[in-house]
C-alpha cells in the first residue's frame, strides 16, 4: 500500500506541475475551491500525459508545499528586507501567485519567466 508519497520530486516534475498550475483554467478552478480533489486529479492526469506518475494527493501536497514555502519566504523577506534563503522555482511561483484576477494579460510577469521547455515535455521523455 505504498503510495510513493515520500518519493522526491525531480526538477522536471516540479516544472511540469508549475506549468499545469499556471494554466488559466486550473487557476480559475483553484480560486476559492475548498474541495479540490477533482482539480488535483485533473493535474495528475495532465502530468501522466507528460510521463509523470503522481497521484492527486502527491500533486496537492507539492502544490501546498510550494505555496507555503513561497509565503514563508515572502514574510521573512518583509522582515529582513534582504533574502537570506532561496527557494527553487521562486520566480515561477511568484508569477502565478501575484496574478491579477483580470486574466493572463494582467500578470506582472513575462511569459518567458514561466517554466520553459515544458510544452514539449513529453517529447523529451521519449
Protein backbone atom coordinates (compact mmCIF):
# COMPACT_ATOMS: atom_id res chain seq x y z
CA UNK A 1 0.00 0.00 0.00
CA UNK A 2 2.94 2.33 -0.73
CA UNK A 3 1.66 5.47 -2.43
CA UNK A 4 5.17 6.76 -3.06
CA UNK A 5 4.22 9.90 -1.13
CA UNK A 6 7.78 10.29 0.09
CA UNK A 7 9.23 9.99 -3.41
CA UNK A 8 11.32 13.07 -4.19
CA UNK A 9 10.09 15.32 -6.99
CA UNK A 10 12.65 15.92 -9.74
CA UNK A 11 13.09 19.43 -11.17
CA UNK A 12 11.36 18.34 -14.38
CA UNK A 13 8.37 17.06 -12.40
CA UNK A 14 8.11 20.31 -10.43
CA UNK A 15 8.43 22.36 -13.64
CA UNK A 16 5.64 20.33 -15.24
CA UNK A 17 3.44 20.77 -12.14
CA UNK A 18 4.07 24.54 -12.14
CA UNK A 19 3.36 24.71 -15.87
CA UNK A 20 -0.01 23.00 -15.36
CA UNK A 21 -0.74 25.11 -12.27
CA UNK A 22 -0.11 28.27 -14.35
CA UNK A 23 -2.85 27.26 -16.81
CA UNK A 24 -5.69 29.80 -16.64
CA UNK A 25 -8.35 27.07 -16.42
CA UNK A 26 -6.58 25.42 -13.45
CA UNK A 27 -6.13 28.85 -11.83
CA UNK A 28 -9.84 29.55 -12.06
CA UNK A 29 -10.71 26.11 -10.69
CA UNK A 30 -8.34 26.53 -7.72
CA UNK A 31 -9.60 30.03 -6.86
CA UNK A 32 -11.85 29.74 -3.86
CA UNK A 33 -12.18 25.97 -4.14
CA UNK A 34 -12.36 24.22 -0.78
CA UNK A 35 -12.96 20.72 -2.07
CA UNK A 36 -10.30 20.41 -4.70
CA UNK A 37 -9.70 16.69 -5.11
CA UNK A 38 -11.11 16.78 -8.67
CA UNK A 39 -8.78 19.64 -9.62
CA UNK A 40 -5.72 17.73 -8.44
CA UNK A 41 -6.97 14.58 -10.20
CA UNK A 42 -7.01 16.66 -13.39
CA UNK A 43 -3.48 17.92 -12.66
CA UNK A 44 -2.33 14.32 -12.05
CA UNK A 45 -3.93 13.25 -15.38
CA UNK A 46 -2.08 16.04 -17.21
CA UNK A 47 1.19 15.01 -15.55
CA UNK A 48 0.55 11.40 -16.60
CA UNK A 49 0.22 12.58 -20.23
CA UNK A 50 3.74 14.00 -19.82
CA UNK A 51 5.02 10.68 -18.47
CA UNK A 52 4.97 11.69 -14.80
CA UNK A 53 3.28 9.25 -12.45
CA UNK A 54 1.93 11.20 -9.46
CA UNK A 55 -1.42 10.77 -7.74
CA UNK A 56 -3.72 13.64 -6.83
CA UNK A 57 -2.60 13.64 -3.18
CA UNK A 58 1.06 14.00 -4.16
CA UNK A 59 0.15 16.86 -6.52
CA UNK A 60 -1.89 18.63 -3.84
CA UNK A 61 0.86 18.19 -1.24
CA UNK A 62 3.54 19.54 -3.61
CA UNK A 63 1.30 22.48 -4.58
CA UNK A 64 0.62 23.30 -0.92
CA UNK A 65 4.32 22.99 -0.02
CA UNK A 66 5.36 25.31 -2.86
CA UNK A 67 2.77 27.88 -1.78
CA UNK A 68 3.72 27.57 1.88
CA UNK A 69 7.44 27.92 1.19
CA UNK A 70 6.79 30.91 -1.08
CA UNK A 71 4.61 32.67 1.51
CA UNK A 72 7.06 31.93 4.34
CA UNK A 73 9.87 33.41 2.25
CA UNK A 74 7.74 36.47 1.42
CA UNK A 75 7.06 37.03 5.13
CA UNK A 76 10.73 36.54 6.01
CA UNK A 77 11.77 39.00 3.30
CA UNK A 78 9.32 41.62 4.60
CA UNK A 79 11.01 41.48 7.99
CA UNK A 80 14.61 41.17 6.88
CA UNK A 81 14.43 43.12 3.66
CA UNK A 82 17.34 41.07 2.36
CA UNK A 83 16.51 37.46 1.49
CA UNK A 84 18.90 35.03 3.12
CA UNK A 85 17.16 31.90 1.97
CA UNK A 86 16.46 31.00 -1.60
CA UNK A 87 13.61 28.89 -2.92
CA UNK A 88 13.80 26.78 -6.05
CA UNK A 89 11.18 27.89 -8.59
CA UNK A 90 10.54 31.11 -6.61
CA UNK A 91 10.12 33.23 -9.77
CA UNK A 92 7.67 30.80 -11.35
CA UNK A 93 5.53 30.51 -8.20
CA UNK A 94 5.74 34.30 -7.76
CA UNK A 95 4.37 34.77 -11.28
CA UNK A 96 1.39 32.55 -10.54
CA UNK A 97 0.58 33.87 -7.08
CA UNK A 98 0.91 37.56 -7.99
CA UNK A 99 -1.59 37.09 -10.82
CA UNK A 100 -4.37 39.65 -11.03
CA UNK A 101 -7.93 38.26 -11.38
CA UNK A 102 -8.41 40.00 -14.77
CA UNK A 103 -6.62 37.31 -16.73
CA UNK A 104 -3.22 36.44 -18.16
CA UNK A 105 -2.63 39.85 -19.76
CA UNK A 106 -2.56 41.42 -16.31
CA UNK A 107 0.10 39.09 -14.93
CA UNK A 108 3.00 41.04 -13.57
CA UNK A 109 5.44 38.77 -15.33
CA UNK A 110 6.57 37.95 -18.81
CA UNK A 111 5.60 34.59 -20.23
CA UNK A 112 9.32 33.94 -20.65
CA UNK A 113 9.68 33.73 -16.87
CA UNK A 114 7.23 30.84 -16.68
CA UNK A 115 8.81 27.40 -16.90
CA UNK A 116 10.09 26.96 -20.41
CA UNK A 117 10.52 23.78 -22.32
CA UNK A 118 7.64 22.08 -20.56
CA UNK A 119 5.26 22.46 -23.51
CA UNK A 120 7.09 19.69 -25.31
CA UNK A 121 7.92 17.84 -22.14
CA UNK A 122 6.54 14.52 -23.40
CA UNK A 123 8.90 14.69 -26.39
CA UNK A 124 11.87 14.86 -24.02
CA UNK A 125 10.69 11.75 -22.23
CA UNK A 126 10.83 9.57 -25.38
